[in-house]
């Protein structure tokens, strides 16, 4: 059941969270009396604090007479009390400046730019999911012989990206053979996304175990290697920047917490599952503490937003930091970066 608070309790909780996010210290009643703008006695404030504590929204650490917000308190704050600020002009200029430096570069350069921009502006860890595999469609392919047992496949993807894949072969191929294979694949698969190409290849291989001509056999063999390799490169990954920012945050600075968190960053699986779930939702999401469902992020909050290409959601980006996060500032930064990345990808 959602917690409902009166205006006085809401204002004191908002003031407490603002103070704790700013200073990182448990908040005493006298601070609330000074900063809340309410004309209340110390006794009244203590009574309200006791009510908020009974509701599980704040807690009093053993070492201090002050209170700090709980994950439940942050959730109520984000859902009903946070006053999201317009993106500050200087932050918008910094974000736009970051994207301006890469221009019409490759998708990877733009993804790296977005993660770096998120980290630089928020002073937290920025993470950007590589565009989803299903959004990558083949425009054109050609093959170049590198040696007797290696061929370079050059793919034009989504009308703009150029990707190079080196594939091993068990014999050398003449230039004419490679041109025939490329012509066949361009005719058969141009305009289809990678998932559809791979599925059709599997069907072709199942039907064509015997009695196929050499061109078909060569095409299936090469395309299988190209699209398997390329799909591995472009799907199931993210680029992160600013992880070391988290080492300077008091709540995360214990070595065991940092080790667990950085292990999750390196293994990627849990972070990818979380981002992929956000992508299905197609809206901004804020996970606070254990809400993410992953133990490594129990002490963290994650703010995410989807980014779009041609009106289709192809990925998610966001910020990872402590639960003691300036949500009203971080949320608009994440939202603006998602829009800038989508615009840059669309422009290409």
Foldseek 3Di string as FASTA:
>chain_A
DDDDDDPVLLLLLVQQLVVCLVPVDFDALVSSCVPSPDPDDSVVSVVSVVVCVVVQQWDDDPVDPGIHGDLSVLVCCVVPNFDFDAADPVLLVLLVVLQVVQALHAQVSLQQSLQVSLCVSFVFKKKWFFFAQQQWAFAFWFWDDDDQFKIWIWTDIPVHHTDIDIDTHPGHDDRVLRVLLRVVCNVPGHPGGLVVVLVVLVVCCVVPVDDDDPSVVVNSVVVNRVSVVVNVVRHLDMDMPNNVSQCPDPVQVDPVLSVLLVVCVVVVPLVSVLFVVVLVVQAWDKAAACSSVDPSLNQKIKIKHFADAPPHTGGMMTGIHGNSGSCSNRNNSRVSSSDVSNVSVNVD
